[in-house]
Protein backbone atom coordinates (compact mmCIF):
# COMPACT_ATOMS: atom_id res chain seq x y z
CA MET A 1 0.00 0.00 0.00
CA SER A 2 1.37 3.43 -0.88
CA THR A 3 0.73 6.69 0.89
CA THR A 4 0.53 9.94 -1.00
CA THR A 5 1.30 13.19 0.79
CA ARG A 6 -0.59 16.22 -0.49
CA LEU A 7 1.75 19.05 -1.39
CA ILE A 8 1.14 22.50 0.09
CA THR A 9 1.09 25.64 -2.08
CA ALA A 10 2.56 29.05 -1.28
CA ASP A 11 -0.99 30.46 -1.11
CA GLU A 12 -1.96 27.85 1.49
CA LEU A 13 1.18 28.57 3.50
CA GLU A 14 0.27 32.28 3.61
CA GLU A 15 -3.06 31.43 5.23
CA MET A 16 -1.72 28.89 7.75
CA PRO A 17 -1.08 29.72 11.36
CA HIS A 18 2.65 29.44 11.93
CA ARG A 19 2.51 26.88 14.71
CA ASP A 20 4.09 23.50 15.20
CA GLU A 21 2.18 20.31 16.04
CA HIS A 22 2.19 21.35 19.73
CA GLY A 23 0.62 24.76 19.06
CA ASN A 24 3.84 26.73 19.62
CA ASP A 25 4.69 29.67 17.35
CA CYS A 26 7.37 28.76 14.80
CA ARG A 27 8.78 29.69 11.42
CA LEU A 28 7.75 27.60 8.45
CA GLU A 29 9.40 27.20 5.08
CA LEU A 30 8.07 25.31 2.10
CA ILE A 31 10.43 23.11 0.11
CA ARG A 32 8.88 21.70 -3.05
CA GLY A 33 5.46 21.55 -1.44
CA GLU A 34 6.55 20.10 1.89
CA LEU A 35 6.37 22.09 5.11
CA ILE A 36 9.59 22.51 7.06
CA THR A 37 9.29 23.61 10.69
CA MET A 38 12.10 25.87 11.81
CA SER A 39 12.95 25.54 15.49
CA PRO A 40 13.88 28.59 17.56
CA THR A 41 17.53 29.48 17.19
CA LYS A 42 20.23 29.56 19.81
CA PRO A 43 21.62 32.91 21.08
CA LEU A 44 24.79 32.84 18.92
CA HIS A 45 22.69 32.60 15.76
CA GLY A 46 20.38 35.36 16.96
CA ILE A 47 23.23 37.73 17.77
CA VAL A 48 24.86 37.30 14.35
CA CYS A 49 21.49 37.74 12.57
CA ALA A 50 20.71 40.89 14.55
CA ARG A 51 24.15 42.39 13.91
CA LEU A 52 23.91 41.64 10.18
CA THR A 53 20.39 43.03 9.92
CA THR A 54 21.43 46.22 11.70
CA ARG A 55 24.55 46.80 9.61
CA LEU A 56 22.89 45.99 6.29
CA GLY A 57 19.73 47.88 7.18
CA ASN A 58 21.62 51.03 8.16
CA PHE A 59 23.63 50.99 4.91
CA VAL A 60 20.60 50.29 2.71
CA GLU A 61 18.54 53.02 4.39
CA GLU A 62 21.35 55.58 4.35
CA HIS A 63 21.83 55.09 0.59
CA ASN A 64 18.10 54.61 -0.23
CA LEU A 65 18.85 51.34 -2.02
CA GLY A 66 15.71 49.40 -1.13
CA GLU A 67 14.79 47.43 1.98
CA THR A 68 16.34 44.90 4.33
CA PHE A 69 14.09 42.07 5.55
CA GLY A 70 14.17 39.73 8.53
CA ALA A 71 13.81 35.98 8.67
CA GLU A 72 10.04 35.87 8.67
CA THR A 73 9.75 37.36 5.17
CA GLY A 74 8.67 34.79 2.59
CA PHE A 75 10.15 34.62 -0.91
CA ILE A 76 8.60 32.24 -3.46
CA VAL A 77 11.58 30.71 -5.24
CA GLU A 78 9.88 27.83 -7.07
CA ARG A 79 6.42 27.01 -8.37
CA GLU A 80 4.62 23.70 -8.91
CA PRO A 81 5.59 22.41 -6.46
CA ASP A 82 6.05 25.62 -4.53
CA SER A 83 9.05 26.56 -2.42
CA VAL A 84 8.98 29.52 -0.03
CA LEU A 85 12.16 30.46 1.78
CA GLY A 86 12.84 33.00 4.49
CA ALA A 87 16.52 33.94 4.55
CA ASP A 88 17.89 35.03 7.91
CA VAL A 89 18.43 38.47 6.35
CA ALA A 90 17.49 39.63 2.85
CA PHE A 91 17.93 42.72 0.70
CA VAL A 92 15.61 43.77 -2.15
CA SER A 93 16.49 46.72 -4.38
CA ARG A 94 14.30 49.80 -4.67
CA GLU A 95 13.64 49.07 -8.38
CA ARG A 96 12.24 45.62 -7.63
CA LEU A 97 10.19 46.89 -4.69
CA ASP A 98 8.59 49.57 -6.87
CA ALA A 99 7.06 46.78 -8.99
CA VAL A 100 5.46 45.02 -5.98
CA GLU A 101 1.71 45.63 -5.85
CA ASN A 102 0.79 43.77 -2.66
CA PHE A 103 2.98 43.77 0.45
CA ASP A 104 0.50 41.47 2.22
CA LYS A 105 1.66 38.50 0.13
CA PHE A 106 4.92 36.59 -0.10
CA PHE A 107 7.32 38.09 -2.62
CA SER A 108 7.03 36.24 -5.95
CA PHE A 109 10.79 36.41 -6.47
CA ALA A 110 14.05 35.79 -4.65
CA PRO A 111 15.83 38.62 -2.83
CA ASP A 112 18.75 40.36 -4.55
CA LEU A 113 20.85 39.25 -1.56
CA ALA A 114 20.00 36.30 0.67
CA VAL A 115 21.93 35.87 3.91
CA GLU A 116 21.95 32.60 5.82
CA VAL A 117 23.49 32.15 9.27
CA LEU A 118 24.32 28.52 9.95
CA SER A 119 22.86 26.74 12.95
CA PRO A 120 24.27 23.48 14.35
CA GLY A 121 21.40 21.54 12.73
CA ASN A 122 21.97 22.81 9.18
CA THR A 123 23.33 20.26 6.72
CA LYS A 124 25.53 21.00 3.73
CA SER A 125 22.94 19.54 1.35
CA GLU A 126 20.20 21.73 2.86
CA ILE A 127 22.27 24.91 2.44
CA ASP A 128 23.41 23.89 -1.07
CA LEU A 129 19.76 23.37 -2.08
CA LYS A 130 18.76 26.80 -0.75
CA ILE A 131 21.68 28.44 -2.56
CA ALA A 132 20.67 26.76 -5.83
CA MET A 133 17.02 27.78 -5.35
CA TYR A 134 17.86 31.40 -4.57
CA PHE A 135 20.08 31.78 -7.64
CA ALA A 136 17.61 29.97 -9.94
CA ALA A 137 14.90 32.41 -8.77
CA GLY A 138 17.03 35.51 -9.40
CA SER A 139 19.22 36.22 -6.37
CA ARG A 140 22.40 38.04 -7.33
CA ALA A 141 24.45 37.17 -4.23
CA ILE A 142 24.26 34.90 -1.21
CA TRP A 143 26.25 35.16 1.99
CA VAL A 144 26.48 32.17 4.34
CA PHE A 145 27.88 32.94 7.78
CA ASN A 146 29.34 30.30 10.08
CA PRO A 147 29.46 31.80 13.61
CA LYS A 148 31.29 28.79 15.10
CA ARG A 149 34.13 29.09 12.58
CA ARG A 150 33.91 32.88 12.44
CA ALA A 151 33.80 32.76 8.67
CA ALA A 152 31.56 33.66 5.74
CA SER A 153 31.14 32.11 2.30
CA VAL A 154 30.29 34.74 -0.32
CA TYR A 155 28.53 33.31 -3.39
CA SER A 156 28.21 35.03 -6.76
CA SER A 157 26.74 31.87 -8.33
CA PRO A 158 25.89 28.38 -7.01
CA SER A 159 29.45 27.23 -7.73
CA ALA A 160 31.51 30.44 -7.48
CA PHE A 161 32.27 31.49 -3.94
CA ARG A 162 35.06 32.66 -1.70
CA VAL A 163 35.52 32.01 1.99
CA LEU A 164 36.35 34.92 4.27
CA THR A 165 37.72 34.60 7.80
CA GLU A 166 37.43 37.05 10.67
CA GLN A 167 40.61 38.78 9.45
CA ASP A 168 38.82 39.72 6.21
CA THR A 169 36.40 42.45 5.20
CA LEU A 170 33.27 41.52 3.26
CA ASP A 171 32.20 43.96 0.57
CA GLY A 172 28.78 44.35 -1.03
CA GLY A 173 30.05 43.72 -4.56
CA GLU A 174 27.70 44.68 -7.38
CA VAL A 175 24.59 44.16 -5.24
CA LEU A 176 25.52 46.66 -2.50
CA PRO A 177 28.41 48.77 -3.85
CA GLY A 178 30.28 50.53 -1.07
CA PHE A 179 29.08 48.24 1.72
CA ARG A 180 31.93 46.93 3.87
CA LEU A 181 31.80 44.70 6.92
CA GLU A 182 34.84 43.78 8.96
CA LEU A 183 34.18 40.22 10.09
CA SER A 184 36.31 40.74 13.20
CA LYS A 185 33.76 43.35 14.34
CA LEU A 186 30.79 41.17 13.39
CA PHE A 187 32.12 38.26 15.47
CA ALA A 188 33.63 40.40 18.28
CA GLY A 189 32.84 39.17 21.78
CA LEU A 190 31.03 36.00 20.66
CA LYS A 191 31.64 32.86 22.67
């Protein structure tokens, strides 16, 4: 006997309460029609996400480049079956935002920049899949931060990336020209 699981759509996800099977609030992502429950993060992850959001947000606002978004923001990166991802931090350019008609719906595109901060439970295949999905849906850059190693992988395509350590400075490249982030300052004081 075979069991068929009904796939969920992005529209259905938008209407769902974001709660786990125990009724607790949680983040949900949709990967090719299947719901993925995101557990709360540990403090190290939260600190790095907050620092990145603050630094990116300040730069984007100061230069009127667009908007910076937090982890709860949904981006539809695939259709039929649907995939909806929420990067830990995301940037969308002013030009792309001007074309959005409804801010009460998930974005129907990937962010210009998607930022992921690794948690202990993340697998390489999971992150590789997200990177591939983001680029296929139109992302122009992806940054993956590893707080434990105090490093960042900066992707300009699914296969082209460079690894920066805390002695390096990350720059915004073509997506955020002029943005600079000293990784030593980002990771300063973290245990």
